[in-house]
Protein backbone atom coordinates (compact mmCIF):
# COMPACT_ATOMS: atom_id res chain seq x y z
CA MET A 1 -69.06 28.05 68.11
CA SER A 2 -65.77 28.78 69.86
CA SER A 3 -65.32 32.27 71.32
CA ILE A 4 -61.67 32.18 70.25
CA PRO A 5 -61.46 34.08 66.94
CA GLU A 6 -60.07 31.71 64.28
CA PRO A 7 -57.76 28.70 64.28
CA LYS A 8 -54.29 29.71 63.09
CA LEU A 9 -51.71 27.30 61.69
CA ILE A 10 -47.93 27.53 61.95
CA ALA A 11 -45.47 24.93 60.66
CA GLY A 12 -41.91 23.86 61.26
CA ASN A 13 -39.67 22.37 58.58
CA ALA A 14 -40.47 18.68 59.22
CA ASN A 15 -43.40 18.33 56.79
CA LEU A 16 -44.28 21.60 55.07
CA SER A 17 -46.21 19.88 52.27
CA LEU A 18 -48.61 18.30 54.79
CA ALA A 19 -48.99 21.64 56.64
CA LYS A 20 -49.89 23.36 53.36
CA GLY A 21 -52.30 20.52 52.54
CA ILE A 22 -54.05 20.98 55.90
CA ALA A 23 -54.31 24.74 55.27
CA ARG A 24 -55.80 24.12 51.81
CA ARG A 25 -58.42 21.73 53.19
CA MET A 26 -59.32 24.15 55.99
CA SER A 27 -59.75 26.90 53.38
CA ILE A 28 -62.25 24.67 51.56
CA HIS A 29 -64.14 23.84 54.78
CA ARG A 30 -64.16 27.43 56.05
CA GLY A 31 -64.97 29.04 52.69
CA ARG A 32 -62.18 31.55 53.30
CA SER A 33 -58.44 31.51 52.84
CA VAL A 34 -56.51 29.80 55.65
CA GLY A 35 -52.74 30.12 55.34
CA LEU A 36 -49.74 29.35 57.49
CA VAL A 37 -48.68 32.08 59.91
CA ASP A 38 -45.65 33.88 58.50
CA ALA A 39 -42.61 32.84 60.49
CA ARG A 40 -39.01 31.81 60.01
CA VAL A 41 -37.52 28.69 61.54
CA GLU A 42 -33.83 28.55 60.78
CA ARG A 43 -30.46 27.51 62.13
CA PHE A 44 -27.37 29.42 63.18
CA ASN A 45 -24.00 28.16 61.97
CA ASP A 46 -23.63 25.93 65.03
CA GLN A 47 -27.09 24.43 64.25
CA GLU A 48 -28.89 26.25 67.06
CA ILE A 49 -32.54 26.70 66.08
CA PHE A 50 -34.03 30.18 65.89
CA VAL A 51 -37.72 31.00 65.49
CA GLU A 52 -39.30 34.36 64.70
CA VAL A 53 -43.05 34.85 64.23
CA PHE A 54 -43.87 37.79 61.96
CA GLU A 55 -47.62 38.03 62.71
CA ASN A 56 -49.48 39.06 65.84
CA VAL A 57 -50.66 35.90 67.67
CA ARG A 58 -51.89 37.49 70.91
CA GLY A 59 -55.10 35.80 72.02
CA GLU A 60 -55.06 33.40 69.05
CA ASP A 61 -55.83 29.66 68.93
CA MET A 62 -52.54 28.32 67.53
CA TYR A 63 -51.85 24.92 65.94
CA ILE A 64 -48.21 23.94 65.39
CA ILE A 65 -47.89 21.30 62.64
CA GLN A 66 -44.66 19.39 63.16
CA PRO A 67 -44.07 15.62 63.10
CA THR A 68 -41.01 14.54 65.10
CA SER A 69 -39.65 12.33 62.34
CA ASN A 70 -36.05 12.02 61.12
CA PRO A 71 -34.06 14.03 62.17
CA ALA A 72 -36.14 13.45 65.30
CA ASN A 73 -34.14 15.63 67.70
CA ASP A 74 -33.98 18.63 65.35
CA ASN A 75 -37.70 18.46 64.59
CA LEU A 76 -38.56 18.04 68.28
CA MET A 77 -36.48 21.09 69.22
CA GLU A 78 -38.18 23.12 66.46
CA LEU A 79 -41.56 22.17 67.94
CA LEU A 80 -40.52 23.08 71.50
CA ILE A 81 -38.97 26.41 70.47
CA MET A 82 -42.00 27.36 68.33
CA ALA A 83 -44.28 26.60 71.28
CA ASP A 84 -42.12 28.76 73.55
CA ALA A 85 -42.17 31.62 71.02
CA LEU A 86 -45.99 31.45 70.81
CA ARG A 87 -46.45 31.23 74.59
CA ARG A 88 -44.21 34.26 75.15
CA SER A 89 -46.22 36.08 72.44
CA SER A 90 -49.44 35.59 74.48
CA ALA A 91 -51.18 33.01 72.26
CA ALA A 92 -54.47 32.01 73.93
CA ARG A 93 -54.06 28.26 73.33
CA ILE A 94 -51.32 26.15 71.74
CA THR A 95 -52.09 22.76 70.19
CA ALA A 96 -49.24 20.58 68.89
CA VAL A 97 -50.28 18.71 65.75
CA ILE A 98 -47.74 15.86 65.66
CA PRO A 99 -48.75 13.54 62.79
CA TYR A 100 -45.87 11.18 63.64
CA PHE A 101 -44.87 11.07 67.30
CA GLY A 102 -41.17 10.20 67.44
CA TYR A 103 -39.78 8.26 70.43
CA ALA A 104 -43.14 6.45 70.72
CA ARG A 105 -41.39 3.09 70.50
CA GLN A 106 -39.65 3.85 73.80
CA ASP A 107 -42.86 3.63 75.83
CA ARG A 108 -41.64 1.23 78.55
CA ARG A 109 -38.49 -0.07 80.18
CA SER A 110 -37.59 -3.13 78.13
CA LYS A 111 -34.36 -3.75 80.10
CA ALA A 112 -32.74 -2.57 83.31
CA ARG A 113 -31.28 0.94 83.32
CA THR A 114 -33.14 2.13 80.21
CA PRO A 115 -35.28 5.27 79.83
CA ILE A 116 -38.96 5.74 79.05
CA SER A 117 -38.24 8.39 76.45
CA ALA A 118 -41.86 8.81 75.33
CA LYS A 119 -42.74 10.01 78.85
CA LEU A 120 -39.76 12.40 78.85
CA ILE A 121 -40.92 13.91 75.53
CA ALA A 122 -44.46 14.28 76.93
CA ASN A 123 -43.09 16.18 79.94
CA MET A 124 -41.05 18.47 77.66
CA LEU A 125 -44.07 19.26 75.45
CA VAL A 126 -46.31 20.07 78.41
CA GLY A 127 -43.52 22.14 80.01
CA THR A 128 -43.39 24.51 77.03
CA GLY A 129 -47.03 25.49 77.46
CA ILE A 130 -48.65 23.18 74.89
CA GLU A 131 -52.24 22.56 76.04
CA ARG A 132 -53.34 19.81 73.64
CA VAL A 133 -51.77 17.25 71.33
CA LEU A 134 -53.26 15.95 68.09
CA THR A 135 -51.50 12.92 66.60
CA MET A 136 -52.12 9.82 64.48
CA ASP A 137 -51.69 6.12 65.27
CA LEU A 138 -49.53 6.33 68.38
CA HIS A 139 -47.29 3.27 68.49
CA ALA A 140 -48.67 2.50 71.95
CA ALA A 141 -52.08 3.88 72.95
CA GLN A 142 -51.04 4.20 76.61
CA ILE A 143 -48.73 7.11 75.64
CA GLN A 144 -51.88 9.26 75.86
CA GLY A 145 -51.65 8.70 79.61
CA PHE A 146 -48.11 10.09 79.72
CA PHE A 147 -49.61 13.56 79.16
CA ASP A 148 -51.52 15.60 81.75
CA ILE A 149 -53.24 17.45 78.89
CA PRO A 150 -55.82 16.21 76.35
CA VAL A 151 -54.44 13.99 73.56
CA ASP A 152 -56.50 13.27 70.43
CA ASN A 153 -55.17 10.18 68.66
CA LEU A 154 -56.52 9.86 65.11
CA TYR A 155 -56.51 6.52 63.28
CA ALA A 156 -55.45 5.75 59.72
CA ALA A 157 -57.67 2.62 59.62
CA PRO A 158 -60.79 4.48 58.36
CA ILE A 159 -58.74 6.00 55.50
CA PHE A 160 -57.20 2.59 54.73
CA ALA A 161 -60.68 1.02 54.68
CA LEU A 162 -61.87 3.55 52.09
CA ASP A 163 -58.80 2.91 49.94
CA ILE A 164 -59.07 -0.90 50.20
CA LYS A 165 -62.73 -0.79 49.14
CA HIS A 166 -61.75 1.37 46.18
CA GLN A 167 -58.76 -0.80 45.17
CA PHE A 168 -60.19 -4.29 45.80
CA GLY A 169 -63.99 -3.81 45.59
CA PRO A 170 -66.75 -4.43 44.97
CA ASP A 171 -66.14 -8.16 45.61
CA MET A 172 -63.69 -8.49 48.49
CA SER A 173 -64.39 -12.10 49.36
CA ASP A 174 -60.74 -13.03 48.71
CA VAL A 175 -59.23 -10.20 50.81
CA MET A 176 -57.61 -11.08 54.14
CA ILE A 177 -56.10 -8.72 56.70
CA VAL A 178 -52.80 -9.84 58.25
CA SER A 179 -51.09 -8.68 61.44
CA PRO A 180 -47.28 -8.93 61.05
CA ASP A 181 -46.91 -9.87 64.74
CA VAL A 182 -49.00 -10.78 67.76
CA GLY A 183 -48.66 -7.24 69.19
CA GLY A 184 -50.49 -5.68 66.25
CA VAL A 185 -53.54 -7.95 66.33
CA ALA A 186 -55.89 -5.31 67.79
CA ARG A 187 -55.00 -2.82 65.02
CA ALA A 188 -55.43 -5.45 62.28
CA ARG A 189 -58.69 -6.75 63.78
CA GLU A 190 -60.16 -3.23 63.80
CA LEU A 191 -59.44 -2.77 60.08
CA ALA A 192 -60.69 -6.28 59.28
CA ALA A 193 -63.99 -5.47 61.01
CA ARG A 194 -64.36 -2.26 58.98
CA ILE A 195 -64.17 -4.10 55.65
CA ASN A 196 -65.73 -7.36 56.88
CA ALA A 197 -62.63 -9.43 56.07
CA PRO A 198 -61.03 -12.40 57.89
CA LEU A 199 -57.84 -12.04 59.94
CA ALA A 200 -54.53 -13.93 59.94
CA ILE A 201 -51.39 -13.44 62.04
CA VAL A 202 -47.70 -13.89 61.26
CA ASP A 203 -46.06 -15.22 64.40
CA LYS A 204 -42.32 -14.54 64.53
CA ARG A 205 -39.76 -16.03 66.87
CA ARG A 206 -36.16 -14.99 67.27
CA GLU A 207 -33.56 -17.36 68.64
CA LYS A 208 -30.95 -14.61 69.05
CA PRO A 209 -31.10 -10.81 68.71
CA GLY A 210 -30.36 -9.69 65.14
CA GLU A 211 -31.13 -13.05 63.58
CA ILE A 212 -33.87 -13.39 60.98
CA ALA A 213 -37.02 -14.50 62.74
CA GLU A 214 -38.65 -17.83 62.12
CA MET A 215 -42.13 -16.98 60.92
CA THR A 216 -45.32 -19.00 61.06
CA VAL A 217 -48.67 -18.02 59.55
CA ILE A 218 -51.66 -18.51 61.86
CA GLY A 219 -54.73 -18.83 59.64
CA ASP A 220 -55.44 -20.18 56.16
CA VAL A 221 -54.28 -17.66 53.53
CA THR A 222 -54.60 -19.98 50.52
CA GLY A 223 -55.76 -18.05 47.46
CA LYS A 224 -56.19 -14.83 49.46
CA LYS A 225 -55.12 -11.30 48.65
CA CYS A 226 -53.29 -10.60 51.91
CA ILE A 227 -53.07 -7.07 53.29
CA ILE A 228 -50.46 -6.59 56.03
CA VAL A 229 -51.38 -3.77 58.43
CA ASP A 230 -49.01 -2.00 60.82
CA ASP A 231 -48.32 1.46 62.25
CA ILE A 232 -44.60 1.87 61.46
CA CYS A 233 -42.35 0.58 58.69
CA ASP A 234 -38.70 1.32 59.49
CA THR A 235 -36.12 -0.82 57.66
CA ALA A 236 -38.85 -3.06 56.12
CA GLY A 237 -36.88 -6.27 56.78
CA THR A 238 -39.61 -7.99 58.78
CA LEU A 239 -42.32 -6.71 56.43
CA CYS A 240 -40.64 -8.11 53.29
CA LYS A 241 -39.92 -11.42 55.03
CA ALA A 242 -43.57 -11.68 56.15
CA ALA A 243 -44.70 -11.11 52.55
CA GLU A 244 -42.48 -14.00 51.39
CA VAL A 245 -43.84 -16.31 54.09
CA LEU A 246 -47.44 -15.46 53.14
CA LEU A 247 -46.83 -16.28 49.47
CA GLU A 248 -45.12 -19.54 50.47
CA SER A 249 -48.23 -20.33 52.55
CA GLY A 250 -50.50 -20.00 49.50
CA ALA A 251 -51.48 -16.32 49.32
CA SER A 252 -52.20 -15.12 45.77
CA GLU A 253 -50.70 -11.65 46.35
CA VAL A 254 -49.50 -9.48 49.22
CA HIS A 255 -50.06 -5.77 49.86
CA SER A 256 -49.20 -3.66 52.93
CA TYR A 257 -50.86 -0.66 54.56
CA ILE A 258 -48.57 1.16 57.01
CA THR A 259 -49.41 4.48 58.69
CA HIS A 260 -45.93 5.92 59.21
CA GLY A 261 -43.36 5.31 56.48
CA VAL A 262 -40.13 5.85 58.41
CA LEU A 263 -38.37 3.86 55.65
CA SER A 264 -34.78 4.22 56.86
CA GLY A 265 -31.62 2.62 55.50
CA PRO A 266 -32.24 0.00 52.80
CA ALA A 267 -36.05 0.07 53.21
CA VAL A 268 -37.01 1.54 49.80
CA GLU A 269 -34.68 -0.81 47.93
CA ARG A 270 -36.01 -3.80 49.87
CA ILE A 271 -39.62 -2.85 49.15
CA THR A 272 -38.93 -2.22 45.46
CA ASN A 273 -37.32 -5.67 45.12
CA SER A 274 -39.80 -7.47 47.37
CA VAL A 275 -42.65 -9.81 46.44
CA MET A 276 -45.17 -7.22 47.71
CA LYS A 277 -47.36 -5.84 44.94
CA SER A 278 -47.85 -2.56 46.80
CA LEU A 279 -47.02 -0.69 49.99
CA VAL A 280 -49.44 2.07 50.97
CA ILE A 281 -48.27 4.69 53.48
CA THR A 282 -49.65 8.04 54.63
CA ASP A 283 -47.92 11.43 54.42
CA THR A 284 -47.55 11.87 58.21
CA ILE A 285 -43.80 11.77 57.48
CA GLU A 286 -42.75 13.79 54.43
CA PRO A 287 -41.79 11.18 51.81
CA PRO A 288 -38.36 11.82 50.25
CA GLU A 289 -37.85 11.53 46.48
CA PRO A 290 -36.81 7.82 46.48
CA VAL A 291 -40.10 6.96 48.24
CA ARG A 292 -42.18 9.08 45.84
CA ASN A 293 -40.46 7.45 42.86
CA ALA A 294 -40.70 3.85 44.08
CA PRO A 295 -42.95 1.92 41.66
CA ASN A 296 -44.81 -0.10 44.29
CA ILE A 297 -45.26 2.58 47.01
CA ARG A 298 -48.41 4.72 47.15
CA ILE A 299 -49.03 7.64 49.50
CA LEU A 300 -52.42 8.50 51.00
CA PRO A 301 -53.09 12.07 52.20
CA THR A 302 -53.88 12.80 55.85
CA GLY A 303 -54.46 16.54 55.31
CA PRO A 304 -58.27 16.19 55.07
CA ILE A 305 -58.67 14.33 58.38
CA PHE A 306 -56.21 16.59 60.24
CA ALA A 307 -57.94 19.71 58.87
CA GLN A 308 -61.33 18.48 60.05
CA ALA A 309 -59.92 17.42 63.44
CA ILE A 310 -58.43 20.90 63.96
CA LEU A 311 -61.78 22.51 63.11
CA ASN A 312 -63.59 20.12 65.47
CA ILE A 313 -61.18 20.96 68.30
CA TRP A 314 -61.65 24.68 67.63
CA ASN A 315 -65.43 24.27 67.44
CA GLY A 316 -65.58 22.10 70.55
CA THR A 317 -67.17 19.23 68.61
CA SER A 318 -66.35 15.52 68.54
CA VAL A 319 -63.00 14.36 67.16
CA SER A 320 -63.88 10.69 67.59
CA SER A 321 -66.69 11.16 65.03
CA LEU A 322 -63.90 11.10 62.41
CA PHE A 323 -63.40 7.39 63.12
CA GLU A 324 -66.75 6.65 61.47
CA THR A 325 -66.91 5.93 57.75
CA GLU A 326 -70.06 8.05 57.37
CA THR A 327 -68.18 11.12 58.62
CA LEU A 328 -64.98 10.41 56.73
CA ASP A 329 -66.59 9.64 53.36
CA PRO A 330 -67.56 13.25 52.53
CA ILE A 331 -64.21 14.54 53.85
CA TYR A 332 -62.37 12.28 51.39
CA GLU A 333 -64.87 12.76 48.57
CA GLY A 334 -62.95 12.84 45.32
CA PHE A 335 -60.01 10.85 46.68
CA PHE A 336 -61.88 7.54 46.55
CA ASN A 337 -64.63 6.96 44.04
CA SER A 338 -67.13 4.35 45.17
CA HIS A 339 -67.66 1.30 42.99
């Protein structure tokens, strides 16, 4: 058991509902009430961010829950300023719980004279005194190497596997996992292995930037219930097009499982009007009302896995054990009823 007293949670404004969900789950696990540290995170008239922590945090093991989703820069600054406030208040250890790590798509120089913004953000986080990062489904796994502190990267695939077995079981012989591009094959293959399903790939080619890609399905999807798997859904253009191509190639129906529902611009309208029967996302990014009200979008909770991961970090026990179905099943008991 850790010698540090108790894990304490504090949240910015980016996803308060998830932060409260994590606190509720930790209360259940601990058998005692775990709340969010009383603090105010607000803005002056010129939009400067101000943070004040109302509780004593000296010597405490602090966990800041704050995804850096839209508005990415505001939420990132909240996270940095909260970390600075805690460090200057003599917190023993500061862990940043970043369910969605913004700027992760800028993980390399794609052209001359461009930044590697993900590395810049990593430097900024470490510079404020953050000693550990807990996140989910980093867009590129190598971003863990941008940090000189421990990074625990959780995966949504085990949660997706539980949900797919609940939704499509017990006979899943007609289920097929689909990667929407060649770059996501490893992610799709991992989920396919979990549910013992075959794998197909949608290969897209673009003649010119901005043009709709020509898409080809690699694999026989005839009569299959196709499940597209990806980490981020932004404008949903490619996703909806891939669903159309799969149906044209003989699929019986198309569903999608996406970890981070960025869903910007016309995304919700596109998904609502698309041929996809369902889009399943997690709550790493707080879903706005149009997303919650969309008839074919479902939201899976990540509070249980984040709560257990925080307790494992505090206890000094394995976080990677949460990737195993046997460990995750009891954590999500009640969310998915076995067939």
